[in-house]
Amino acid sequence: MSAQLLSTSEGATLILTLSNPEHRNALGPEMYAAGVEALSVAETSAEIKSVVITGEGELFSAGGNLQRLNNNRQQPPAHQAQSIEGLHNWIEAIRTFPKPVIAAVEGPAAGAGFSLALACDLIVAAKNSVFVMAYSNIALSPDGGGTWNLSRSVPRQLATELLMLGERMHADRLHQLGVVNRLCEPGQALGTALTLASLLNQKAHNALTSIKELINEADAASFHHQLALERDHFVKNLHHVNAGIGISAFLNKEKPRYE
């Protein structure tokens, strides 16, 4: 059975499941293309307010399929470059997707699987899950934005340790460092992620979109430019119908129901 990205939904949350059980949910071009397409459809859907990415069974993803990578060594370099571009298109689609994306991690998240989790807005992980940037263990360097995200998530020395030594790091340690948002019991990552998603689904969609855009821009923006962006988003959201709903509900001690 080839690698698949299964798509289901629960309420207003789209669930994308990495499914490649024969190869420990290893990622592949079929998943990349399906991921981009799924997010493109979900972006314009009024029914979908958040996305959860998880793995089939008791693990998230072992990263790249080593058999496929070894076969690619016999192909022209452009062949592997095209495959990585497919992964990177999906990673960028997650980053620019205007709705929250949550990774629900059970078991190992290795190599590109770790990079994929880091690309999400929030990470929920089972207490027994482990994360490893395994690239250096097989004489490779990272892809999927792993170096970019890690260098902004943890101190340089720790990012270097994770990337160069390729050692496993348990979820509780990443939780202490603020990389993992929620810890849960084994087998409960998806359920915990869906609970978190339901809280986000109750927020005003326009406000969450602005927050995600502002966070993305903050990585490269000057302080002056970021202040201008915050001003513009604030004014836009103040004049959105949801601001009227939210302010009125707060003043009247009611629960808001956003459009």
Protein backbone atom coordinates (compact mmCIF):
# COMPACT_ATOMS: atom_id res chain seq x y z
CA MET A 1 0.00 0.00 0.00
CA SER A 2 1.38 3.41 -0.96
CA ALA A 3 1.62 6.37 1.37
CA GLN A 4 -1.69 8.19 1.78
CA LEU A 5 -3.01 11.26 3.52
CA LEU A 6 -6.42 10.37 4.87
CA SER A 7 -8.95 13.18 5.26
CA THR A 8 -11.82 13.13 7.74
CA SER A 9 -13.52 15.72 9.89
CA GLU A 10 -14.96 16.11 13.36
CA GLY A 11 -17.20 19.11 13.81
CA ALA A 12 -15.42 22.13 12.40
CA THR A 13 -11.99 20.45 12.45
CA LEU A 14 -10.38 18.76 9.46
CA ILE A 15 -8.25 15.74 10.43
CA LEU A 16 -5.37 14.80 8.11
CA THR A 17 -3.87 11.41 8.93
CA LEU A 18 -0.44 10.29 7.71
CA SER A 19 -1.06 6.72 6.59
CA ASN A 20 1.84 4.51 5.52
CA PRO A 21 1.82 1.68 8.09
CA GLU A 22 4.24 -0.54 6.18
CA HIS A 23 6.92 2.15 6.51
CA ARG A 24 6.01 3.67 9.90
CA ASN A 25 4.01 6.49 8.31
CA ALA A 26 7.00 7.61 6.26
CA LEU A 27 6.24 10.68 4.18
CA GLY A 28 6.13 10.72 0.40
CA PRO A 29 5.17 12.78 -2.65
CA GLU A 30 1.58 11.50 -2.60
CA MET A 31 1.11 12.92 0.90
CA TYR A 32 2.68 16.25 -0.01
CA ALA A 33 0.36 16.85 -2.96
CA ALA A 34 -2.69 15.68 -1.01
CA GLY A 35 -1.75 17.95 1.90
CA VAL A 36 -1.53 21.02 -0.30
CA GLU A 37 -4.85 20.18 -1.96
CA ALA A 38 -6.61 19.50 1.36
CA LEU A 39 -5.52 22.83 2.82
CA SER A 40 -6.49 24.67 -0.37
CA VAL A 41 -10.02 23.28 -0.13
CA ALA A 42 -10.24 23.87 3.64
CA GLU A 43 -9.11 27.48 3.28
CA THR A 44 -12.26 28.42 1.39
CA SER A 45 -14.59 26.22 3.45
CA ALA A 46 -16.76 28.08 5.94
CA GLU A 47 -17.37 24.79 7.75
CA ILE A 48 -13.70 24.10 8.52
CA LYS A 49 -12.17 26.30 11.21
CA SER A 50 -9.05 24.33 12.17
CA VAL A 51 -6.89 21.40 11.07
CA VAL A 52 -5.25 18.55 13.00
CA ILE A 53 -2.40 16.53 11.47
CA THR A 54 -1.77 13.15 13.04
CA GLY A 55 -0.37 9.72 12.20
CA GLU A 56 -2.12 6.41 11.78
CA GLY A 57 -1.73 4.02 14.70
CA GLU A 58 0.71 4.54 17.54
CA LEU A 59 3.19 6.80 15.79
CA PHE A 60 3.32 10.13 14.00
CA SER A 61 5.92 9.65 11.26
CA ALA A 62 9.33 8.06 10.80
CA GLY A 63 10.20 10.82 8.30
CA GLY A 64 11.46 9.96 4.83
CA ASN A 65 11.19 6.50 3.27
CA LEU A 66 14.82 5.36 3.26
CA GLN A 67 14.24 2.79 0.54
CA ARG A 68 12.83 5.49 -1.71
CA LEU A 69 15.69 7.84 -0.84
CA ASN A 70 18.26 5.14 -1.60
CA ASN A 71 16.60 4.51 -4.97
CA ASN A 72 16.65 8.24 -5.65
CA ARG A 73 20.43 8.16 -5.38
CA GLN A 74 20.40 6.37 -8.74
CA GLN A 75 18.33 9.16 -10.28
CA PRO A 76 19.52 12.60 -11.40
CA PRO A 77 19.75 15.07 -8.47
CA ALA A 78 16.81 17.00 -9.93
CA HIS A 79 14.55 14.05 -9.12
CA GLN A 80 15.16 14.36 -5.35
CA ALA A 81 15.04 18.14 -5.55
CA GLN A 82 11.56 17.91 -7.05
CA SER A 83 10.45 15.61 -4.25
CA ILE A 84 11.73 18.00 -1.59
CA GLU A 85 9.99 20.88 -3.33
CA GLY A 86 6.76 18.92 -2.91
CA LEU A 87 7.38 18.63 0.83
CA HIS A 88 8.30 22.29 1.07
CA ASN A 89 5.14 23.31 -0.78
CA TRP A 90 3.13 21.52 1.91
CA ILE A 91 5.17 23.03 4.74
CA GLU A 92 4.65 26.52 3.30
CA ALA A 93 0.94 25.80 2.83
CA ILE A 94 0.69 24.97 6.54
CA ARG A 95 2.54 28.13 7.53
CA THR A 96 0.40 30.39 5.36
CA PHE A 97 -2.91 28.58 5.98
CA PRO A 98 -5.17 31.20 7.60
CA LYS A 99 -6.60 28.82 10.21
CA PRO A 100 -4.92 27.05 13.15
CA VAL A 101 -3.06 23.82 12.40
CA ILE A 102 -2.31 21.41 15.27
CA ALA A 103 0.06 18.44 15.23
CA ALA A 104 -1.16 15.45 17.29
CA VAL A 105 1.92 13.31 17.95
CA GLU A 106 2.02 9.73 19.20
CA GLY A 107 5.25 7.74 19.29
CA PRO A 108 8.15 8.93 17.13
CA ALA A 109 8.26 12.08 15.03
CA ALA A 110 11.52 11.63 13.17
CA GLY A 111 13.33 13.59 10.47
CA ALA A 112 10.81 15.23 8.17
CA GLY A 113 8.10 14.06 10.59
CA PHE A 114 9.65 16.30 13.25
CA SER A 115 9.93 19.13 10.71
CA LEU A 116 6.26 18.68 9.82
CA ALA A 117 5.20 18.90 13.47
CA LEU A 118 7.30 22.05 13.94
CA ALA A 119 5.59 23.68 10.96
CA CYS A 120 2.23 23.45 12.74
CA ASP A 121 0.94 26.27 14.93
CA LEU A 122 0.54 24.07 18.00
CA ILE A 123 1.87 20.66 19.03
CA VAL A 124 0.08 18.12 21.23
CA ALA A 125 2.20 15.12 22.17
CA ALA A 126 1.74 11.91 24.12
CA LYS A 127 4.03 11.67 27.11
CA ASN A 128 5.85 8.68 25.61
CA SER A 129 6.39 10.31 22.21
CA VAL A 130 9.90 11.12 21.03
CA PHE A 131 11.26 13.64 18.57
CA VAL A 132 14.47 13.19 16.62
CA MET A 133 16.17 15.09 13.81
CA ALA A 134 17.60 11.87 12.46
CA TYR A 135 19.22 13.26 9.32
CA SER A 136 22.83 13.29 10.55
CA ASN A 137 22.51 9.63 11.54
CA ILE A 138 22.38 8.71 7.85
CA ALA A 139 24.75 11.42 6.58
CA LEU A 140 21.99 13.78 5.45
CA SER A 141 21.04 17.36 6.29
CA PRO A 142 17.55 18.54 7.26
CA ASP A 143 14.63 19.58 5.08
CA GLY A 144 11.04 20.62 5.73
CA GLY A 145 12.06 23.82 7.47
CA GLY A 146 13.54 21.93 10.42
CA THR A 147 16.59 24.19 10.78
CA TRP A 148 14.49 27.36 10.42
CA ASN A 149 11.90 26.35 13.01
CA LEU A 150 14.31 24.85 15.53
CA SER A 151 16.67 27.84 15.41
CA ARG A 152 13.72 30.05 16.35
CA SER A 153 12.22 27.69 18.94
CA VAL A 154 15.24 26.80 21.11
CA PRO A 155 18.69 28.25 21.86
CA ARG A 156 21.27 27.87 19.10
CA GLN A 157 23.32 25.36 21.08
CA LEU A 158 20.32 23.09 21.64
CA ALA A 159 19.24 23.37 18.00
CA THR A 160 22.78 22.41 17.00
CA GLU A 161 22.73 19.45 19.38
CA LEU A 162 19.42 18.18 18.04
CA LEU A 163 20.45 18.59 14.42
CA MET A 164 24.06 17.41 14.58
CA LEU A 165 23.88 14.60 17.12
CA GLY A 166 20.54 13.29 15.93
CA GLU A 167 19.59 12.10 19.41
CA ARG A 168 16.06 11.48 20.59
CA MET A 169 14.35 14.08 22.76
CA HIS A 170 11.29 13.14 24.76
CA ALA A 171 8.08 15.14 24.63
CA ASP A 172 8.31 16.27 28.25
CA ARG A 173 11.65 17.97 27.59
CA LEU A 174 10.24 19.81 24.55
CA HIS A 175 7.22 20.73 26.65
CA GLN A 176 9.53 22.30 29.23
CA LEU A 177 11.20 24.25 26.42
CA GLY A 178 7.85 25.50 25.12
CA VAL A 179 8.02 23.63 21.80
CA VAL A 180 5.21 21.22 22.74
CA ASN A 181 2.03 22.96 23.89
CA ARG A 182 0.15 20.09 25.55
CA LEU A 183 1.20 16.73 26.98
CA CYS A 184 -1.27 13.89 27.25
CA GLU A 185 -1.43 10.21 28.05
CA PRO A 186 -0.44 7.74 25.31
CA GLY A 187 -3.26 7.19 22.87
CA GLN A 188 -4.88 10.54 23.69
CA ALA A 189 -2.99 12.92 21.36
CA LEU A 190 -5.73 13.15 18.74
CA GLY A 191 -8.48 13.57 21.32
CA THR A 192 -6.50 16.23 23.17
CA ALA A 193 -5.76 18.03 19.90
CA LEU A 194 -9.45 17.97 18.96
CA THR A 195 -10.36 19.45 22.34
CA LEU A 196 -7.81 22.22 21.77
CA ALA A 197 -9.17 22.72 18.25
CA SER A 198 -12.72 23.05 19.57
CA LEU A 199 -11.58 25.92 21.81
CA LEU A 200 -9.99 27.64 18.82
CA ASN A 201 -13.08 27.01 16.70
CA GLN A 202 -15.08 29.16 19.10
CA LYS A 203 -12.82 32.17 18.51
CA ALA A 204 -13.40 34.77 15.80
CA HIS A 205 -11.80 33.39 12.65
CA ASN A 206 -10.64 36.79 11.44
CA ALA A 207 -8.78 37.46 14.69
CA LEU A 208 -6.98 34.10 14.56
CA THR A 209 -6.01 34.71 10.94
CA SER A 210 -4.53 38.08 11.88
CA ILE A 211 -2.64 36.58 14.82
CA LYS A 212 -1.10 33.87 12.62
CA GLU A 213 -0.12 36.42 9.97
CA LEU A 214 1.44 38.70 12.59
CA ILE A 215 3.42 35.85 14.15
CA ASN A 216 4.71 34.83 10.71
CA GLU A 217 5.68 38.39 9.84
CA ALA A 218 7.40 38.99 13.19
CA ASP A 219 10.26 36.63 12.32
CA ALA A 220 11.62 39.03 9.69
CA ALA A 221 9.98 42.38 10.45
CA SER A 222 11.62 45.31 12.20
CA PHE A 223 9.92 46.47 15.40
CA HIS A 224 8.65 49.59 13.64
CA HIS A 225 7.20 47.55 10.77
CA GLN A 226 5.59 45.07 13.17
CA LEU A 227 3.91 47.91 15.05
CA ALA A 228 2.45 49.16 11.77
CA LEU A 229 1.19 45.67 10.93
CA GLU A 230 -0.41 45.33 14.37
CA ARG A 231 -2.12 48.70 13.91
CA ASP A 232 -3.52 47.75 10.53
CA HIS A 233 -4.78 44.35 11.67
CA PHE A 234 -6.30 45.82 14.83
CA VAL A 235 -8.23 48.47 12.91
CA LYS A 236 -9.41 45.92 10.34
CA ASN A 237 -10.63 43.56 13.05
CA LEU A 238 -12.27 46.32 15.09
CA HIS A 239 -14.46 47.12 12.10
CA HIS A 240 -15.28 43.45 11.46
CA VAL A 241 -18.73 42.30 12.56
CA ASN A 242 -17.15 39.85 15.01
CA ALA A 243 -15.66 42.66 17.10
CA GLY A 244 -19.15 43.99 17.71
CA ILE A 245 -20.30 40.52 18.71
CA GLY A 246 -17.32 39.94 20.99
CA ILE A 247 -17.37 43.30 22.75
CA SER A 248 -21.12 43.18 23.26
CA ALA A 249 -20.98 39.66 24.67
CA PHE A 250 -18.17 40.60 27.06
CA LEU A 251 -20.03 43.67 28.33
CA ASN A 252 -23.22 41.65 28.78
CA LYS A 253 -21.37 38.67 30.32
CA GLU A 254 -22.59 36.39 27.55
CA LYS A 255 -20.88 33.78 25.41
CA PRO A 256 -20.09 35.20 21.95
CA ARG A 257 -21.24 33.42 18.80
CA TYR A 258 -19.03 34.65 16.02
CA GLU A 259 -19.90 34.71 12.35
